[in-house]
Amino acid sequence: MIVDNADDTGVLADGTGVNARSARLQGYLLYSDKGKILFTTRSRKAAEELTPSYVLELDDMSKIEAQQLLARRISKPALLDEEKDVDQLLKLLEYLPLAIVQAAAFMNSNDVLISEYLSLFRITGIETELFGEHFEDPSRYKELESTIARTWHISFDQIRKQDRLAAEYLSFIACIDRISIPRLLLPPSGSVLQQTKAMGTLKGYAFVTEL
């Protein structure tokens, strides 16, 4: 059994009826040696809460894997001959699968070269428009938004509900830079414990990597 997108553990663990304990959805999940339940989530904290000691963490997509994904999604294989542009595009998209799929869908539907897409992306402010472009993706549920922008907003809203300080940190970081931000620059809010938990939330969603 697969429980997909289990980012909010409260949906499963919190009761909503008069008898909260009996109303928990988690109580209806069957556990047996004859089968397994797989939870997918963007939050490491949720993963640890749902399946302590049984967490399988997915690494970032490698350059080769990203190239293979783009090759599967692009409708004109000849575009991949622009090796320098392909490398620049994948690096620009941080090797993120959804971003690669969305970029390929845009290029396919608008008959755009990779070099032309890169030129569009470098125009100040236009990346938000590009990441907000809707596209059909048969590999995702129809009721889910398939855009990078919407996916990011869903994650941010979830963080804001779970950890206000983490959301404050993320909002601040977005106004500074994407890399090499000293921790001392973060807003001096909350206790040391709250600050540690906030950083743990952001690392759990893979929004930041602390070195």
N, C-alpha and C. Protein backbone atom coordinates (compact mmCIF):
# COMPACT_ATOMS: atom_id res chain seq x y z
N MET A 1 0.85 -1.18 0.00
CA MET A 1 0.00 0.00 0.00
C MET A 1 0.89 1.24 0.00
N ILE A 2 0.55 2.24 -0.81
CA ILE A 2 1.32 3.48 -0.88
C ILE A 2 0.46 4.64 -0.39
N VAL A 3 0.96 5.33 0.62
CA VAL A 3 0.32 6.56 1.10
C VAL A 3 1.17 7.70 0.55
N ASP A 4 0.68 8.35 -0.50
CA ASP A 4 1.48 9.34 -1.22
C ASP A 4 1.31 10.74 -0.64
N ASN A 5 2.39 11.54 -0.72
CA ASN A 5 2.38 12.94 -0.29
C ASN A 5 1.94 13.10 1.17
N ALA A 6 2.51 12.30 2.04
CA ALA A 6 2.16 12.36 3.46
C ALA A 6 2.99 13.43 4.17
N ASP A 7 2.85 14.68 3.72
CA ASP A 7 3.64 15.77 4.31
C ASP A 7 3.06 16.24 5.63
N ASP A 8 1.73 16.17 5.76
CA ASP A 8 1.07 16.60 6.98
C ASP A 8 0.64 15.37 7.77
N THR A 9 1.44 15.01 8.77
CA THR A 9 1.14 13.80 9.54
C THR A 9 -0.14 13.96 10.35
N GLY A 10 -0.56 15.19 10.57
CA GLY A 10 -1.79 15.41 11.32
C GLY A 10 -3.00 14.83 10.64
N VAL A 11 -2.98 14.76 9.30
CA VAL A 11 -4.10 14.18 8.56
C VAL A 11 -4.31 12.72 8.97
N LEU A 12 -3.21 12.02 9.25
CA LEU A 12 -3.30 10.61 9.65
C LEU A 12 -3.41 10.43 11.15
N ALA A 13 -2.68 11.25 11.91
CA ALA A 13 -2.54 11.00 13.34
C ALA A 13 -3.57 11.71 14.21
N ASP A 14 -4.10 12.85 13.76
CA ASP A 14 -5.02 13.62 14.60
C ASP A 14 -6.46 13.16 14.41
N GLY A 15 -7.19 13.03 15.51
CA GLY A 15 -8.59 12.65 15.45
C GLY A 15 -9.46 13.85 15.14
N THR A 16 -10.58 13.60 14.51
CA THR A 16 -11.49 14.69 14.17
C THR A 16 -12.90 14.49 14.74
N GLY A 17 -13.15 13.32 15.28
CA GLY A 17 -14.47 13.03 15.80
C GLY A 17 -14.56 13.26 17.30
N VAL A 18 -15.68 12.83 17.92
CA VAL A 18 -15.87 12.97 19.37
C VAL A 18 -14.83 12.13 20.09
N ASN A 19 -14.66 10.91 19.64
CA ASN A 19 -13.64 10.04 20.20
C ASN A 19 -12.42 10.15 19.28
N ALA A 20 -11.49 11.03 19.64
CA ALA A 20 -10.35 11.33 18.77
C ALA A 20 -9.53 10.10 18.43
N ARG A 21 -9.33 9.24 19.42
CA ARG A 21 -8.49 8.06 19.20
C ARG A 21 -9.08 7.16 18.12
N SER A 22 -10.38 6.93 18.16
CA SER A 22 -11.00 6.03 17.19
C SER A 22 -11.14 6.68 15.82
N ALA A 23 -11.04 8.04 15.78
CA ALA A 23 -11.24 8.73 14.52
C ALA A 23 -9.96 8.89 13.71
N ARG A 24 -8.82 8.49 14.24
CA ARG A 24 -7.56 8.65 13.53
C ARG A 24 -7.50 7.76 12.29
N LEU A 25 -7.16 8.33 11.17
CA LEU A 25 -7.05 7.56 9.94
C LEU A 25 -5.94 6.53 10.04
N GLN A 26 -4.90 6.87 10.80
CA GLN A 26 -3.78 5.95 10.93
C GLN A 26 -4.21 4.61 11.53
N GLY A 27 -5.28 4.65 12.32
CA GLY A 27 -5.76 3.43 12.94
C GLY A 27 -6.38 2.46 11.95
N TYR A 28 -6.69 2.93 10.73
CA TYR A 28 -7.28 2.07 9.72
C TYR A 28 -6.25 1.46 8.78
N LEU A 29 -4.97 1.81 8.97
CA LEU A 29 -3.91 1.23 8.15
C LEU A 29 -3.54 -0.14 8.72
N LEU A 30 -3.56 -1.12 7.87
CA LEU A 30 -3.29 -2.49 8.32
C LEU A 30 -1.80 -2.78 8.28
N TYR A 31 -1.27 -3.27 9.37
CA TYR A 31 0.15 -3.62 9.44
C TYR A 31 0.26 -5.15 9.52
N SER A 32 1.03 -5.73 8.60
CA SER A 32 1.16 -7.18 8.55
C SER A 32 2.51 -7.56 7.96
N ASP A 33 3.03 -8.70 8.37
CA ASP A 33 4.28 -9.20 7.80
C ASP A 33 4.10 -9.61 6.34
N LYS A 34 2.85 -9.76 5.91
CA LYS A 34 2.57 -10.19 4.54
C LYS A 34 2.55 -9.02 3.54
N GLY A 35 2.70 -7.82 4.04
CA GLY A 35 2.68 -6.67 3.15
C GLY A 35 3.42 -5.49 3.76
N LYS A 36 3.58 -4.44 2.99
CA LYS A 36 4.29 -3.25 3.44
C LYS A 36 3.47 -2.01 3.12
N ILE A 37 3.65 -0.98 3.92
CA ILE A 37 3.06 0.33 3.65
C ILE A 37 4.19 1.29 3.36
N LEU A 38 4.13 1.96 2.21
CA LEU A 38 5.16 2.91 1.81
C LEU A 38 4.58 4.32 1.86
N PHE A 39 5.19 5.18 2.66
CA PHE A 39 4.79 6.58 2.74
C PHE A 39 5.78 7.40 1.90
N THR A 40 5.26 8.29 1.08
CA THR A 40 6.13 9.24 0.38
C THR A 40 5.87 10.62 0.96
N THR A 41 6.92 11.39 1.15
CA THR A 41 6.78 12.70 1.74
C THR A 41 7.97 13.58 1.38
N ARG A 42 7.75 14.89 1.36
CA ARG A 42 8.84 15.83 1.13
C ARG A 42 9.52 16.21 2.44
N SER A 43 8.92 15.83 3.57
CA SER A 43 9.42 16.24 4.88
C SER A 43 10.11 15.09 5.59
N ARG A 44 11.37 15.29 5.96
CA ARG A 44 12.07 14.25 6.70
C ARG A 44 11.46 14.05 8.09
N LYS A 45 10.98 15.13 8.70
CA LYS A 45 10.36 15.02 10.01
C LYS A 45 9.12 14.14 9.94
N ALA A 46 8.34 14.32 8.89
CA ALA A 46 7.14 13.49 8.71
C ALA A 46 7.54 12.03 8.50
N ALA A 47 8.61 11.81 7.73
CA ALA A 47 9.08 10.44 7.48
C ALA A 47 9.50 9.77 8.78
N GLU A 48 10.22 10.51 9.62
CA GLU A 48 10.69 9.95 10.89
C GLU A 48 9.52 9.65 11.82
N GLU A 49 8.50 10.49 11.76
CA GLU A 49 7.34 10.30 12.63
C GLU A 49 6.50 9.10 12.19
N LEU A 50 6.38 8.92 10.87
CA LEU A 50 5.55 7.85 10.34
C LEU A 50 6.24 6.50 10.36
N THR A 51 7.54 6.50 10.06
CA THR A 51 8.27 5.23 9.99
C THR A 51 9.65 5.39 10.62
N PRO A 52 9.73 5.54 11.95
CA PRO A 52 11.03 5.73 12.59
C PRO A 52 11.99 4.58 12.30
N SER A 53 13.21 4.93 11.97
CA SER A 53 14.29 3.97 11.68
C SER A 53 14.12 3.24 10.35
N TYR A 54 13.11 3.57 9.57
CA TYR A 54 12.91 2.92 8.27
C TYR A 54 12.77 3.96 7.15
N VAL A 55 13.57 5.01 7.23
CA VAL A 55 13.48 6.09 6.26
C VAL A 55 14.47 5.87 5.11
N LEU A 56 13.95 5.91 3.90
CA LEU A 56 14.80 5.82 2.70
C LEU A 56 14.86 7.19 2.07
N GLU A 57 16.03 7.81 2.12
CA GLU A 57 16.17 9.17 1.62
C GLU A 57 16.64 9.14 0.16
N LEU A 58 15.95 9.91 -0.68
CA LEU A 58 16.32 9.99 -2.09
C LEU A 58 17.36 11.09 -2.28
N ASP A 59 18.45 10.75 -2.95
CA ASP A 59 19.48 11.74 -3.23
C ASP A 59 19.06 12.62 -4.40
N ASP A 60 19.77 13.73 -4.56
CA ASP A 60 19.52 14.60 -5.70
C ASP A 60 19.81 13.85 -6.99
N MET A 61 19.11 14.22 -8.03
CA MET A 61 19.34 13.59 -9.33
C MET A 61 20.73 13.95 -9.85
N SER A 62 21.45 12.97 -10.37
CA SER A 62 22.78 13.21 -10.92
C SER A 62 22.67 13.86 -12.30
N LYS A 63 23.79 14.36 -12.79
CA LYS A 63 23.81 14.99 -14.11
C LYS A 63 23.39 14.00 -15.19
N ILE A 64 23.89 12.78 -15.11
CA ILE A 64 23.55 11.75 -16.12
C ILE A 64 22.06 11.42 -16.07
N GLU A 65 21.52 11.28 -14.85
CA GLU A 65 20.09 10.98 -14.71
C GLU A 65 19.25 12.13 -15.25
N ALA A 66 19.69 13.37 -15.01
CA ALA A 66 18.97 14.53 -15.51
C ALA A 66 18.99 14.56 -17.04
N GLN A 67 20.12 14.22 -17.63
CA GLN A 67 20.22 14.18 -19.09
C GLN A 67 19.29 13.11 -19.66
N GLN A 68 19.22 11.97 -18.98
CA GLN A 68 18.35 10.88 -19.44
C GLN A 68 16.88 11.29 -19.36
N LEU A 69 16.50 12.00 -18.29
CA LEU A 69 15.11 12.46 -18.14
C LEU A 69 14.76 13.46 -19.23
N LEU A 70 15.66 14.41 -19.49
CA LEU A 70 15.40 15.39 -20.54
C LEU A 70 15.28 14.71 -21.90
N ALA A 71 16.12 13.72 -22.15
CA ALA A 71 16.09 13.00 -23.42
C ALA A 71 14.75 12.28 -23.61
N ARG A 72 14.18 11.75 -22.51
CA ARG A 72 12.90 11.05 -22.60
C ARG A 72 11.75 12.01 -22.83
N ARG A 73 11.88 13.25 -22.34
CA ARG A 73 10.78 14.19 -22.39
C ARG A 73 10.79 15.11 -23.60
N ILE A 74 11.95 15.33 -24.19
CA ILE A 74 12.04 16.26 -25.31
C ILE A 74 11.49 15.60 -26.57
N SER A 75 10.71 16.32 -27.37
CA SER A 75 10.09 15.73 -28.55
C SER A 75 11.01 15.74 -29.77
N LYS A 76 12.01 16.61 -29.75
CA LYS A 76 12.96 16.69 -30.86
C LYS A 76 14.36 16.32 -30.35
N PRO A 77 14.75 15.05 -30.51
CA PRO A 77 16.05 14.60 -30.00
C PRO A 77 17.22 15.42 -30.52
N ALA A 78 17.07 16.06 -31.69
CA ALA A 78 18.15 16.85 -32.27
C ALA A 78 18.54 18.01 -31.36
N LEU A 79 17.60 18.47 -30.52
CA LEU A 79 17.90 19.58 -29.62
C LEU A 79 19.00 19.21 -28.63
N LEU A 80 19.11 17.92 -28.33
CA LEU A 80 20.11 17.46 -27.36
C LEU A 80 21.52 17.54 -27.91
N ASP A 81 21.65 17.81 -29.23
CA ASP A 81 22.98 17.96 -29.81
C ASP A 81 23.66 19.24 -29.32
N GLU A 82 22.86 20.17 -28.80
CA GLU A 82 23.41 21.40 -28.23
C GLU A 82 23.93 21.09 -26.81
N GLU A 83 25.02 20.33 -26.75
CA GLU A 83 25.49 19.81 -25.47
C GLU A 83 25.79 20.91 -24.44
N LYS A 84 26.40 21.99 -24.89
CA LYS A 84 26.73 23.09 -23.98
C LYS A 84 25.45 23.70 -23.40
N ASP A 85 24.45 23.89 -24.26
CA ASP A 85 23.18 24.45 -23.81
C ASP A 85 22.45 23.49 -22.88
N VAL A 86 22.52 22.20 -23.18
CA VAL A 86 21.89 21.19 -22.32
C VAL A 86 22.49 21.24 -20.93
N ASP A 87 23.83 21.29 -20.85
CA ASP A 87 24.51 21.34 -19.55
C ASP A 87 24.11 22.60 -18.79
N GLN A 88 24.04 23.73 -19.48
CA GLN A 88 23.67 24.98 -18.83
C GLN A 88 22.24 24.92 -18.31
N LEU A 89 21.34 24.34 -19.12
CA LEU A 89 19.94 24.24 -18.72
C LEU A 89 19.78 23.39 -17.47
N LEU A 90 20.39 22.22 -17.47
CA LEU A 90 20.25 21.31 -16.33
C LEU A 90 20.84 21.92 -15.06
N LYS A 91 21.97 22.61 -15.22
CA LYS A 91 22.59 23.27 -14.06
C LYS A 91 21.70 24.39 -13.55
N LEU A 92 21.11 25.14 -14.48
CA LEU A 92 20.21 26.23 -14.11
C LEU A 92 18.99 25.72 -13.37
N LEU A 93 18.51 24.55 -13.76
CA LEU A 93 17.32 23.95 -13.14
C LEU A 93 17.65 23.11 -11.92
N GLU A 94 18.94 23.13 -11.51
CA GLU A 94 19.39 22.43 -10.30
C GLU A 94 19.12 20.92 -10.36
N TYR A 95 19.00 20.37 -11.59
CA TYR A 95 18.76 18.94 -11.79
C TYR A 95 17.46 18.46 -11.12
N LEU A 96 16.51 19.39 -10.96
CA LEU A 96 15.22 19.04 -10.34
C LEU A 96 14.32 18.37 -11.38
N PRO A 97 13.83 17.16 -11.11
CA PRO A 97 13.01 16.43 -12.09
C PRO A 97 11.81 17.21 -12.60
N LEU A 98 11.01 17.79 -11.69
CA LEU A 98 9.80 18.51 -12.11
C LEU A 98 10.16 19.72 -12.96
N ALA A 99 11.26 20.41 -12.62
CA ALA A 99 11.68 21.58 -13.39
C ALA A 99 12.11 21.16 -14.80
N ILE A 100 12.79 20.03 -14.90
CA ILE A 100 13.25 19.53 -16.20
C ILE A 100 12.05 19.14 -17.07
N VAL A 101 11.09 18.44 -16.46
CA VAL A 101 9.89 18.02 -17.19
C VAL A 101 9.09 19.23 -17.65
N GLN A 102 8.97 20.24 -16.78
CA GLN A 102 8.22 21.43 -17.13
C GLN A 102 8.91 22.21 -18.25
N ALA A 103 10.24 22.31 -18.19
CA ALA A 103 10.99 23.02 -19.24
C ALA A 103 10.84 22.30 -20.58
N ALA A 104 10.93 20.96 -20.56
CA ALA A 104 10.78 20.18 -21.79
C ALA A 104 9.39 20.36 -22.37
N ALA A 105 8.36 20.38 -21.51
CA ALA A 105 6.98 20.57 -21.98
C ALA A 105 6.82 21.93 -22.64
N PHE A 106 7.43 22.95 -22.08
CA PHE A 106 7.34 24.30 -22.66
C PHE A 106 8.02 24.34 -24.03
N MET A 107 9.22 23.76 -24.11
CA MET A 107 9.95 23.76 -25.38
C MET A 107 9.22 22.95 -26.44
N ASN A 108 8.62 21.85 -26.02
CA ASN A 108 7.87 21.02 -26.98
C ASN A 108 6.66 21.75 -27.54
N SER A 109 5.87 22.36 -26.66
CA SER A 109 4.61 22.97 -27.08
C SER A 109 4.82 24.28 -27.83
N ASN A 110 5.96 24.94 -27.60
CA ASN A 110 6.21 26.22 -28.26
C ASN A 110 7.30 26.16 -29.32
N ASP A 111 7.77 24.94 -29.60
CA ASP A 111 8.80 24.74 -30.62
C ASP A 111 10.00 25.66 -30.38
N VAL A 112 10.51 25.61 -29.15
CA VAL A 112 11.59 26.49 -28.72
C VAL A 112 12.89 25.69 -28.58
N LEU A 113 13.98 26.27 -29.04
CA LEU A 113 15.30 25.65 -28.85
C LEU A 113 15.74 25.81 -27.40
N ILE A 114 16.66 24.95 -26.98
CA ILE A 114 17.16 25.05 -25.61
C ILE A 114 17.85 26.39 -25.40
N SER A 115 18.59 26.87 -26.38
CA SER A 115 19.25 28.17 -26.28
C SER A 115 18.24 29.30 -26.13
N GLU A 116 17.09 29.17 -26.81
CA GLU A 116 16.04 30.19 -26.71
C GLU A 116 15.38 30.15 -25.33
N TYR A 117 15.20 28.96 -24.80
CA TYR A 117 14.62 28.83 -23.46
C TYR A 117 15.56 29.45 -22.42
N LEU A 118 16.86 29.22 -22.59
CA LEU A 118 17.84 29.81 -21.68
C LEU A 118 17.79 31.33 -21.73
N SER A 119 17.64 31.88 -22.94
CA SER A 119 17.57 33.34 -23.10
C SER A 119 16.34 33.89 -22.40
N LEU A 120 15.21 33.18 -22.53
CA LEU A 120 13.99 33.60 -21.84
C LEU A 120 14.18 33.57 -20.33
N PHE A 121 14.80 32.50 -19.85
CA PHE A 121 14.95 32.30 -18.41
C PHE A 121 15.82 33.39 -17.79
N ARG A 122 16.74 33.95 -18.57
CA ARG A 122 17.67 34.94 -18.02
C ARG A 122 17.07 36.34 -17.97
N ILE A 123 15.87 36.52 -18.54
CA ILE A 123 15.20 37.82 -18.46
C ILE A 123 14.69 38.00 -17.03
N THR A 124 15.03 39.12 -16.43
CA THR A 124 14.69 39.37 -15.03
C THR A 124 13.19 39.21 -14.77
N GLY A 125 12.86 38.36 -13.81
CA GLY A 125 11.48 38.18 -13.39
C GLY A 125 10.68 37.17 -14.18
N ILE A 126 11.19 36.74 -15.34
CA ILE A 126 10.38 35.86 -16.19
C ILE A 126 10.39 34.41 -15.70
N GLU A 127 11.39 34.07 -14.86
CA GLU A 127 11.43 32.67 -14.40
C GLU A 127 10.18 32.30 -13.61
N THR A 128 9.59 33.29 -12.91
CA THR A 128 8.34 33.02 -12.17
C THR A 128 7.22 32.65 -13.13
N GLU A 129 7.15 33.36 -14.26
CA GLU A 129 6.15 33.03 -15.28
C GLU A 129 6.38 31.65 -15.86
N LEU A 130 7.64 31.33 -16.16
CA LEU A 130 7.97 30.03 -16.75
C LEU A 130 7.62 28.90 -15.78
N PHE A 131 7.95 29.09 -14.51
CA PHE A 131 7.68 28.06 -13.51
C PHE A 131 6.20 27.98 -13.17
N GLY A 132 5.44 29.01 -13.58
CA GLY A 132 4.00 28.99 -13.33
C GLY A 132 3.19 28.45 -14.50
N GLU A 133 3.88 28.12 -15.61
CA GLU A 133 3.20 27.58 -16.79
C GLU A 133 2.63 26.19 -16.50
N HIS A 134 1.34 26.03 -16.73
CA HIS A 134 0.72 24.71 -16.53
C HIS A 134 1.07 23.79 -17.70
N PHE A 135 1.27 22.52 -17.40
CA PHE A 135 1.52 21.55 -18.45
C PHE A 135 0.95 20.20 -18.02
N GLU A 136 0.61 19.39 -19.00
CA GLU A 136 0.06 18.07 -18.73
C GLU A 136 1.20 17.08 -18.48
N ASP A 137 1.09 16.34 -17.39
CA ASP A 137 2.10 15.34 -17.05
C ASP A 137 1.39 14.05 -16.67
N PRO A 138 1.36 13.05 -17.56
CA PRO A 138 0.64 11.81 -17.29
C PRO A 138 1.18 11.02 -16.11
N SER A 139 2.40 11.34 -15.67
CA SER A 139 3.00 10.60 -14.55
C SER A 139 2.54 11.13 -13.20
N ARG A 140 1.79 12.27 -13.19
CA ARG A 140 1.32 12.85 -11.94
C ARG A 140 -0.19 12.77 -11.87
N TYR A 141 -0.74 12.81 -10.63
CA TYR A 141 -2.18 12.79 -10.45
C TYR A 141 -2.79 14.01 -11.10
N LYS A 142 -3.93 13.82 -11.76
CA LYS A 142 -4.57 14.92 -12.48
C LYS A 142 -4.99 16.05 -11.56
N GLU A 143 -5.36 15.71 -10.30
CA GLU A 143 -5.83 16.75 -9.40
C GLU A 143 -4.69 17.56 -8.78
N LEU A 144 -3.44 17.12 -8.99
CA LEU A 144 -2.30 17.85 -8.45
C LEU A 144 -1.80 18.88 -9.44
N GLU A 145 -1.37 20.03 -8.91
CA GLU A 145 -0.75 21.04 -9.75
C GLU A 145 0.61 20.53 -10.20
N SER A 146 0.94 20.71 -11.47
CA SER A 146 2.19 20.20 -12.00
C SER A 146 3.26 21.27 -12.17
N THR A 147 2.98 22.49 -11.71
CA THR A 147 3.96 23.54 -11.91
C THR A 147 4.93 23.64 -10.75
N ILE A 148 6.15 24.07 -11.05
CA ILE A 148 7.16 24.27 -10.02
C ILE A 148 6.68 25.30 -9.01
N ALA A 149 6.13 26.41 -9.51
CA ALA A 149 5.71 27.50 -8.63
C ALA A 149 4.66 27.01 -7.62
N ARG A 150 3.66 26.27 -8.12
CA ARG A 150 2.59 25.81 -7.23
C ARG A 150 3.12 24.78 -6.24
N THR A 151 4.00 23.89 -6.69
CA THR A 151 4.58 22.89 -5.80
C THR A 151 5.37 23.55 -4.68
N TRP A 152 6.11 24.62 -5.04
CA TRP A 152 6.88 25.34 -4.04
C TRP A 152 5.95 25.99 -3.02
N HIS A 153 4.87 26.61 -3.51
CA HIS A 153 3.93 27.27 -2.61
C HIS A 153 3.28 26.27 -1.65
N ILE A 154 2.97 25.07 -2.14
CA ILE A 154 2.38 24.04 -1.28
C ILE A 154 3.33 23.69 -0.15
N SER A 155 4.61 23.50 -0.50
CA SER A 155 5.62 23.17 0.51
C SER A 155 5.78 24.31 1.50
N PHE A 156 5.82 25.56 0.98
CA PHE A 156 5.99 26.71 1.87
C PHE A 156 4.81 26.86 2.82
N ASP A 157 3.60 26.67 2.31
CA ASP A 157 2.41 26.76 3.17
C ASP A 157 2.44 25.70 4.26
N GLN A 158 2.91 24.51 3.89
CA GLN A 158 3.00 23.43 4.87
C GLN A 158 4.03 23.78 5.95
N ILE A 159 5.16 24.34 5.56
CA ILE A 159 6.18 24.75 6.53
C ILE A 159 5.63 25.85 7.43
N ARG A 160 4.89 26.79 6.86
CA ARG A 160 4.34 27.89 7.65
C ARG A 160 3.36 27.38 8.71
N LYS A 161 2.62 26.32 8.38
CA LYS A 161 1.70 25.74 9.35
C LYS A 161 2.45 24.99 10.46
N GLN A 162 3.52 24.31 10.07
CA GLN A 162 4.25 23.47 11.02
C GLN A 162 5.25 24.24 11.87
N ASP A 163 5.90 25.26 11.27
CA ASP A 163 7.01 25.93 11.95
C ASP A 163 7.12 27.36 11.44
N ARG A 164 6.54 28.30 12.17
CA ARG A 164 6.53 29.70 11.73
C ARG A 164 7.94 30.28 11.60
N LEU A 165 8.84 29.90 12.50
CA LEU A 165 10.20 30.42 12.43
C LEU A 165 10.92 29.91 11.19
N ALA A 166 10.68 28.67 10.83
CA ALA A 166 11.29 28.11 9.61
C ALA A 166 10.80 28.89 8.38
N ALA A 167 9.52 29.22 8.35
CA ALA A 167 8.97 30.01 7.25
C ALA A 167 9.59 31.41 7.22
N GLU A 168 9.82 31.97 8.41
CA GLU A 168 10.46 33.29 8.50
C GLU A 168 11.89 33.21 7.97
N TYR A 169 12.60 32.16 8.35
CA TYR A 169 13.97 31.97 7.85
C TYR A 169 13.98 31.86 6.32
N LEU A 170 13.07 31.07 5.78
CA LEU A 170 13.04 30.83 4.33
C LEU A 170 12.71 32.11 3.57
N SER A 171 11.78 32.88 4.10
CA SER A 171 11.42 34.15 3.48
C SER A 171 12.61 35.10 3.48
N PHE A 172 13.36 35.12 4.58
CA PHE A 172 14.53 35.98 4.69
C PHE A 172 15.62 35.54 3.72
N ILE A 173 15.88 34.22 3.66
CA ILE A 173 16.91 33.68 2.78
C ILE A 173 16.62 34.01 1.32
N ALA A 174 15.33 33.95 0.96
CA ALA A 174 14.94 34.23 -0.44
C ALA A 174 15.28 35.65 -0.86
N CYS A 175 15.42 36.55 0.11
CA CYS A 175 15.74 37.94 -0.19
C CYS A 175 17.25 38.21 -0.16
N ILE A 176 18.05 37.22 0.23
CA ILE A 176 19.50 37.42 0.37
C ILE A 176 20.25 36.82 -0.82
N ASP A 177 20.36 35.52 -0.85
CA ASP A 177 21.11 34.84 -1.91
C ASP A 177 20.74 33.37 -1.86
N ARG A 178 21.15 32.63 -2.89
CA ARG A 178 20.81 31.20 -2.94
C ARG A 178 21.88 30.33 -2.28
N ILE A 179 23.09 30.85 -2.05
CA ILE A 179 24.16 30.06 -1.45
C ILE A 179 24.98 30.92 -0.50
N SER A 180 25.76 30.23 0.34
CA SER A 180 26.76 30.87 1.21
C SER A 180 26.17 31.96 2.09
N ILE A 181 25.08 31.64 2.79
CA ILE A 181 24.47 32.59 3.72
C ILE A 181 24.89 32.22 5.14
N PRO A 182 25.67 33.06 5.82
CA PRO A 182 26.08 32.75 7.19
C PRO A 182 24.88 32.64 8.11
N ARG A 183 24.90 31.68 9.00
CA ARG A 183 23.77 31.49 9.90
C ARG A 183 23.55 32.70 10.81
N LEU A 184 24.61 33.44 11.07
CA LEU A 184 24.52 34.62 11.93
C LEU A 184 23.64 35.71 11.33
N LEU A 185 23.42 35.65 10.01
CA LEU A 185 22.59 36.65 9.35
C LEU A 185 21.10 36.41 9.55
N LEU A 186 20.72 35.20 9.95
CA LEU A 186 19.30 34.88 10.11
C LEU A 186 18.69 35.69 11.23
N PRO A 187 17.41 36.04 11.12
CA PRO A 187 16.74 36.85 12.15
C PRO A 187 16.87 36.21 13.53
N PRO A 188 17.27 36.98 14.55
CA PRO A 188 17.47 36.44 15.91
C PRO A 188 16.15 36.23 16.64
N SER A 189 15.30 35.38 16.10
CA SER A 189 13.99 35.12 16.71
C SER A 189 13.98 33.78 17.43
N GLY A 190 13.13 33.68 18.46
CA GLY A 190 12.95 32.41 19.15
C GLY A 190 14.13 32.00 20.00
N SER A 191 13.95 30.89 20.71
CA SER A 191 15.01 30.33 21.55
C SER A 191 15.99 29.54 20.69
N VAL A 192 17.11 29.13 21.30
CA VAL A 192 18.10 28.33 20.59
C VAL A 192 17.47 27.02 20.11
N LEU A 193 16.60 26.44 20.95
CA LEU A 193 15.92 25.20 20.58
C LEU A 193 15.01 25.42 19.38
N GLN A 194 14.24 26.51 19.40
CA GLN A 194 13.34 26.81 18.28
C GLN A 194 14.12 27.07 16.99
N GLN A 195 15.27 27.73 17.11
CA GLN A 195 16.10 27.99 15.94
C GLN A 195 16.64 26.69 15.36
N THR A 196 17.06 25.78 16.23
CA THR A 196 17.58 24.48 15.78
C THR A 196 16.48 23.68 15.08
N LYS A 197 15.27 23.71 15.65
CA LYS A 197 14.15 22.98 15.04
C LYS A 197 13.75 23.60 13.71
N ALA A 198 13.83 24.93 13.61
CA ALA A 198 13.49 25.61 12.36
C ALA A 198 14.46 25.21 11.26
N MET A 199 15.75 25.17 11.56
CA MET A 199 16.73 24.75 10.58
C MET A 199 16.53 23.29 10.21
N GLY A 200 16.13 22.47 11.19
CA GLY A 200 15.85 21.07 10.92
C GLY A 200 14.68 20.90 9.97
N THR A 201 13.66 21.76 10.11
CA THR A 201 12.50 21.73 9.21
C THR A 201 12.92 22.05 7.78
N LEU A 202 13.72 23.09 7.61
CA LEU A 202 14.16 23.50 6.27
C LEU A 202 15.07 22.45 5.64
N LYS A 203 15.94 21.85 6.45
CA LYS A 203 16.81 20.79 5.92
C LYS A 203 15.99 19.55 5.59
N GLY A 204 14.94 19.31 6.39
CA GLY A 204 14.09 18.16 6.14
C GLY A 204 13.32 18.25 4.84
N TYR A 205 13.00 19.49 4.42
CA TYR A 205 12.34 19.71 3.14
C TYR A 205 13.34 19.92 2.01
N ALA A 206 14.62 19.84 2.33
CA ALA A 206 15.71 20.01 1.35
C ALA A 206 15.73 21.41 0.75
N PHE A 207 15.21 22.40 1.50
CA PHE A 207 15.28 23.78 1.03
C PHE A 207 16.65 24.38 1.32
N VAL A 208 17.32 23.88 2.35
CA VAL A 208 18.67 24.37 2.66
C VAL A 208 19.57 23.19 2.97
N THR A 209 20.85 23.41 2.74
CA THR A 209 21.88 22.45 3.15
C THR A 209 22.87 23.21 3.99
N GLU A 210 23.08 22.75 5.22
CA GLU A 210 23.98 23.45 6.13
C GLU A 210 25.36 22.81 6.09
N LEU A 211 26.37 23.63 5.86
CA LEU A 211 27.74 23.14 5.78
C LEU A 211 28.55 23.61 6.99
